[in-house]
Amino acid sequence: MRIAPARLAPGPAGLLAATAAVAGQREDTRANDAVRVVRQIQSIPESSIPGPPAG
């Protein structure tokens, strides 16, 4: 008995979509963290950043 590929497609496609959604949430969280860190670094006044060592 042969099973038509069209019957099997929704299962793996749904699993793939769910996996992509979870990965998308993780990427969003990481991107938001990265933006937060960059903003914190940019908010540091240049006067408080030490210069190169004298030498």
PDB file of N, CA and C in Angstrom:
ATOM      1  N   MET A   1       0.839  -1.182   0.000  1.00  0.00           N
ATOM      2  CA  MET A   1       0.000   0.000   0.000  1.00  0.00           C
ATOM      3  C   MET A   1       0.883   1.243   0.000  1.00  0.00           C
ATOM      4  N   ARG A   2       0.631   2.117  -0.939  1.00  0.00           N
ATOM      5  CA  ARG A   2       1.425   3.342  -1.030  1.00  0.00           C
ATOM      6  C   ARG A   2       0.665   4.497  -0.387  1.00  0.00           C
ATOM      7  N   ILE A   3       1.367   5.298   0.379  1.00  0.00           N
ATOM      8  CA  ILE A   3       0.768   6.480   0.999  1.00  0.00           C
ATOM      9  C   ILE A   3       1.155   7.682   0.147  1.00  0.00           C
ATOM     10  N   ALA A   4       0.192   8.474  -0.185  1.00  0.00           N
ATOM     11  CA  ALA A   4       0.448   9.646  -1.023  1.00  0.00           C
ATOM     12  C   ALA A   4       1.291  10.662  -0.253  1.00  0.00           C
ATOM     13  N   PRO A   5       2.303  11.245  -0.884  1.00  0.00           N
ATOM     14  CA  PRO A   5       3.143  12.242  -0.219  1.00  0.00           C
ATOM     15  C   PRO A   5       2.358  13.441   0.312  1.00  0.00           C
ATOM     16  N   ALA A   6       1.256  13.774  -0.312  1.00  0.00           N
ATOM     17  CA  ALA A   6       0.453  14.916   0.130  1.00  0.00           C
ATOM     18  C   ALA A   6      -0.096  14.700   1.537  1.00  0.00           C
ATOM     19  N   ARG A   7      -0.347  13.449   1.898  1.00  0.00           N
ATOM     20  CA  ARG A   7      -0.857  13.167   3.245  1.00  0.00           C
ATOM     21  C   ARG A   7       0.223  13.344   4.302  1.00  0.00           C
ATOM     22  N   LEU A   8       1.448  13.084   3.964  1.00  0.00           N
ATOM     23  CA  LEU A   8       2.540  13.177   4.930  1.00  0.00           C
ATOM     24  C   LEU A   8       3.084  14.592   5.077  1.00  0.00           C
ATOM     25  N   ALA A   9       2.889  15.413   4.096  1.00  0.00           N
ATOM     26  CA  ALA A   9       3.491  16.739   4.092  1.00  0.00           C
ATOM     27  C   ALA A   9       3.043  17.641   5.246  1.00  0.00           C
ATOM     28  N   PRO A  10       1.763  17.679   5.623  1.00  0.00           N
ATOM     29  CA  PRO A  10       1.363  18.612   6.691  1.00  0.00           C
ATOM     30  C   PRO A  10       2.048  18.347   8.030  1.00  0.00           C
ATOM     31  N   GLY A  11       2.300  17.101   8.369  1.00  0.00           N
ATOM     32  CA  GLY A  11       2.951  16.788   9.646  1.00  0.00           C
ATOM     33  C   GLY A  11       4.350  17.374   9.741  1.00  0.00           C
ATOM     34  N   PRO A  12       5.264  16.997   8.846  1.00  0.00           N
ATOM     35  CA  PRO A  12       6.619  17.564   8.893  1.00  0.00           C
ATOM     36  C   PRO A  12       6.631  19.076   8.671  1.00  0.00           C
ATOM     37  N   ALA A  13       5.728  19.578   7.846  1.00  0.00           N
ATOM     38  CA  ALA A  13       5.688  21.020   7.596  1.00  0.00           C
ATOM     39  C   ALA A  13       5.295  21.762   8.874  1.00  0.00           C
ATOM     40  N   GLY A  14       4.345  21.198   9.605  1.00  0.00           N
ATOM     41  CA  GLY A  14       3.935  21.825  10.868  1.00  0.00           C
ATOM     42  C   GLY A  14       5.046  21.796  11.897  1.00  0.00           C
ATOM     43  N   LEU A  15       5.756  20.695  11.953  1.00  0.00           N
ATOM     44  CA  LEU A  15       6.881  20.573  12.883  1.00  0.00           C
ATOM     45  C   LEU A  15       7.978  21.563  12.522  1.00  0.00           C
ATOM     46  N   LEU A  16       8.255  21.697  11.243  1.00  0.00           N
ATOM     47  CA  LEU A  16       9.271  22.640  10.790  1.00  0.00           C
ATOM     48  C   LEU A  16       8.865  24.070  11.124  1.00  0.00           C
ATOM     49  N   ALA A  17       7.609  24.405  10.931  1.00  0.00           N
ATOM     50  CA  ALA A  17       7.128  25.754  11.241  1.00  0.00           C
ATOM     51  C   ALA A  17       7.230  26.039  12.735  1.00  0.00           C
ATOM     52  N   ALA A  18       6.904  25.056  13.566  1.00  0.00           N
ATOM     53  CA  ALA A  18       6.988  25.237  15.019  1.00  0.00           C
ATOM     54  C   ALA A  18       8.445  25.416  15.449  1.00  0.00           C
ATOM     55  N   THR A  19       9.336  24.640  14.863  1.00  0.00           N
ATOM     56  CA  THR A  19      10.756  24.760  15.183  1.00  0.00           C
ATOM     57  C   THR A  19      11.287  26.127  14.778  1.00  0.00           C
ATOM     58  N   ALA A  20      10.872  26.600  13.615  1.00  0.00           N
ATOM     59  CA  ALA A  20      11.305  27.915  13.148  1.00  0.00           C
ATOM     60  C   ALA A  20      10.776  29.013  14.059  1.00  0.00           C
ATOM     61  N   ALA A  21       9.571  28.853  14.572  1.00  0.00           N
ATOM     62  CA  ALA A  21       9.000  29.862  15.467  1.00  0.00           C
ATOM     63  C   ALA A  21       9.797  29.948  16.758  1.00  0.00           C
ATOM     64  N   VAL A  22      10.191  28.806  17.313  1.00  0.00           N
ATOM     65  CA  VAL A  22      10.991  28.796  18.544  1.00  0.00           C
ATOM     66  C   VAL A  22      12.356  29.405  18.278  1.00  0.00           C
ATOM     67  N   ALA A  23      12.968  29.037  17.167  1.00  0.00           N
ATOM     68  CA  ALA A  23      14.275  29.600  16.818  1.00  0.00           C
ATOM     69  C   ALA A  23      14.154  31.097  16.602  1.00  0.00           C
ATOM     70  N   GLY A  24      13.068  31.537  16.003  1.00  0.00           N
ATOM     71  CA  GLY A  24      12.851  32.967  15.791  1.00  0.00           C
ATOM     72  C   GLY A  24      12.764  33.721  17.101  1.00  0.00           C
ATOM     73  N   GLN A  25      12.104  33.149  18.091  1.00  0.00           N
ATOM     74  CA  GLN A  25      12.004  33.788  19.406  1.00  0.00           C
ATOM     75  C   GLN A  25      13.375  33.889  20.061  1.00  0.00           C
ATOM     76  N   ARG A  26      14.169  32.851  19.943  1.00  0.00           N
ATOM     77  CA  ARG A  26      15.520  32.879  20.523  1.00  0.00           C
ATOM     78  C   ARG A  26      16.375  33.945  19.845  1.00  0.00           C
ATOM     79  N   GLU A  27      16.266  34.012  18.522  1.00  0.00           N
ATOM     80  CA  GLU A  27      17.038  35.022  17.786  1.00  0.00           C
ATOM     81  C   GLU A  27      16.600  36.429  18.172  1.00  0.00           C
ATOM     82  N   ASP A  28      15.295  36.631  18.349  1.00  0.00           N
ATOM     83  CA  ASP A  28      14.794  37.939  18.771  1.00  0.00           C
ATOM     84  C   ASP A  28      15.343  38.313  20.148  1.00  0.00           C
ATOM     85  N   THR A  29      15.358  37.343  21.055  1.00  0.00           N
ATOM     86  CA  THR A  29      15.873  37.597  22.405  1.00  0.00           C
ATOM     87  C   THR A  29      17.351  37.961  22.351  1.00  0.00           C
ATOM     88  N   ARG A  30      18.128  37.221  21.572  1.00  0.00           N
ATOM     89  CA  ARG A  30      19.559  37.504  21.452  1.00  0.00           C
ATOM     90  C   ARG A  30      19.798  38.864  20.804  1.00  0.00           C
ATOM     91  N   ALA A  31      19.005  39.184  19.779  1.00  0.00           N
ATOM     92  CA  ALA A  31      19.153  40.480  19.108  1.00  0.00           C
ATOM     93  C   ALA A  31      18.814  41.620  20.060  1.00  0.00           C
ATOM     94  N   ASN A  32      17.769  41.461  20.840  1.00  0.00           N
ATOM     95  CA  ASN A  32      17.400  42.501  21.809  1.00  0.00           C
ATOM     96  C   ASN A  32      18.493  42.683  22.853  1.00  0.00           C
ATOM     97  N   ASP A  33      19.085  41.585  23.306  1.00  0.00           N
ATOM     98  CA  ASP A  33      20.187  41.676  24.264  1.00  0.00           C
ATOM     99  C   ASP A  33      21.382  42.402  23.649  1.00  0.00           C
ATOM    100  N   ALA A  34      21.679  42.097  22.398  1.00  0.00           N
ATOM    101  CA  ALA A  34      22.808  42.741  21.721  1.00  0.00           C
ATOM    102  C   ALA A  34      22.569  44.241  21.579  1.00  0.00           C
ATOM    103  N   VAL A  35      21.364  44.615  21.211  1.00  0.00           N
ATOM    104  CA  VAL A  35      21.034  46.046  21.083  1.00  0.00           C
ATOM    105  C   VAL A  35      21.158  46.735  22.427  1.00  0.00           C
ATOM    106  N   ARG A  36      20.694  46.086  23.483  1.00  0.00           N
ATOM    107  CA  ARG A  36      20.793  46.662  24.834  1.00  0.00           C
ATOM    108  C   ARG A  36      22.247  46.909  25.218  1.00  0.00           C
ATOM    109  N   VAL A  37      23.107  45.938  24.943  1.00  0.00           N
ATOM    110  CA  VAL A  37      24.527  46.076  25.281  1.00  0.00           C
ATOM    111  C   VAL A  37      25.171  47.200  24.477  1.00  0.00           C
ATOM    112  N   VAL A  38      24.872  47.279  23.196  1.00  0.00           N
ATOM    113  CA  VAL A  38      25.442  48.342  22.359  1.00  0.00           C
ATOM    114  C   VAL A  38      24.991  49.706  22.869  1.00  0.00           C
ATOM    115  N   ARG A  39      23.728  49.827  23.234  1.00  0.00           N
ATOM    116  CA  ARG A  39      23.224  51.109  23.761  1.00  0.00           C
ATOM    117  C   ARG A  39      23.910  51.474  25.068  1.00  0.00           C
ATOM    118  N   GLN A  40      24.147  50.484  25.919  1.00  0.00           N
ATOM    119  CA  GLN A  40      24.847  50.753  27.182  1.00  0.00           C
ATOM    120  C   GLN A  40      26.267  51.243  26.904  1.00  0.00           C
ATOM    121  N   ILE A  41      26.935  50.603  25.966  1.00  0.00           N
ATOM    122  CA  ILE A  41      28.307  51.006  25.635  1.00  0.00           C
ATOM    123  C   ILE A  41      28.313  52.405  25.046  1.00  0.00           C
ATOM    124  N   GLN A  42      27.351  52.702  24.179  1.00  0.00           N
ATOM    125  CA  GLN A  42      27.292  54.020  23.556  1.00  0.00           C
ATOM    126  C   GLN A  42      26.949  55.113  24.556  1.00  0.00           C
ATOM    127  N   SER A  43      26.302  54.760  25.662  1.00  0.00           N
ATOM    128  CA  SER A  43      25.922  55.769  26.647  1.00  0.00           C
ATOM    129  C   SER A  43      27.072  56.148  27.579  1.00  0.00           C
ATOM    130  N   ILE A  44      28.180  55.418  27.520  1.00  0.00           N
ATOM    131  CA  ILE A  44      29.337  55.736  28.362  1.00  0.00           C
ATOM    132  C   ILE A  44      30.009  56.985  27.795  1.00  0.00           C
ATOM    133  N   PRO A  45      30.185  58.026  28.627  1.00  0.00           N
ATOM    134  CA  PRO A  45      30.860  59.227  28.136  1.00  0.00           C
ATOM    135  C   PRO A  45      32.309  58.919  27.737  1.00  0.00           C
ATOM    136  N   GLU A  46      32.762  59.527  26.651  1.00  0.00           N
ATOM    137  CA  GLU A  46      34.121  59.258  26.179  1.00  0.00           C
ATOM    138  C   GLU A  46      35.163  59.623  27.224  1.00  0.00           C
ATOM    139  N   SER A  47      34.865  60.622  28.048  1.00  0.00           N
ATOM    140  CA  SER A  47      35.828  61.050  29.061  1.00  0.00           C
ATOM    141  C   SER A  47      36.101  59.971  30.099  1.00  0.00           C
ATOM    142  N   SER A  48      35.201  59.025  30.264  1.00  0.00           N
ATOM    143  CA  SER A  48      35.411  57.966  31.251  1.00  0.00           C
ATOM    144  C   SER A  48      36.088  56.736  30.650  1.00  0.00           C
ATOM    145  N   ILE A  49      36.387  56.771  29.373  1.00  0.00           N
ATOM    146  CA  ILE A  49      37.102  55.664  28.717  1.00  0.00           C
ATOM    147  C   ILE A  49      38.585  55.974  28.767  1.00  0.00           C
ATOM    148  N   PRO A  50      39.369  55.109  29.390  1.00  0.00           N
ATOM    149  CA  PRO A  50      40.810  55.391  29.495  1.00  0.00           C
ATOM    150  C   PRO A  50      41.483  55.386  28.128  1.00  0.00           C
ATOM    151  N   GLY A  51      42.490  56.217  27.999  1.00  0.00           N
ATOM    152  CA  GLY A  51      43.254  56.291  26.760  1.00  0.00           C
ATOM    153  C   GLY A  51      44.272  55.183  26.679  1.00  0.00           C
ATOM    154  N   PRO A  52      45.076  55.195  25.626  1.00  0.00           N
ATOM    155  CA  PRO A  52      46.095  54.158  25.485  1.00  0.00           C
ATOM    156  C   PRO A  52      47.176  54.334  26.576  1.00  0.00           C
ATOM    157  N   PRO A  53      47.826  53.259  26.928  1.00  0.00           N
ATOM    158  CA  PRO A  53      48.860  53.349  27.963  1.00  0.00           C
ATOM    159  C   PRO A  53      50.040  54.215  27.501  1.00  0.00           C
ATOM    160  N   ALA A  54      50.588  54.963  28.438  1.00  0.00           N
ATOM    161  CA  ALA A  54      51.732  55.820  28.127  1.00  0.00           C
ATOM    162  C   ALA A  54      52.959  54.927  27.965  1.00  0.00           C
ATOM    163  N   GLY A  55      53.708  55.250  26.980  1.00  0.00           N
ATOM    164  CA  GLY A  55      54.870  54.389  26.863  1.00  0.00           C
ATOM    165  C   GLY A  55      55.751  54.770  25.825  1.00  0.00           C
TER     166      GLY A  55
END
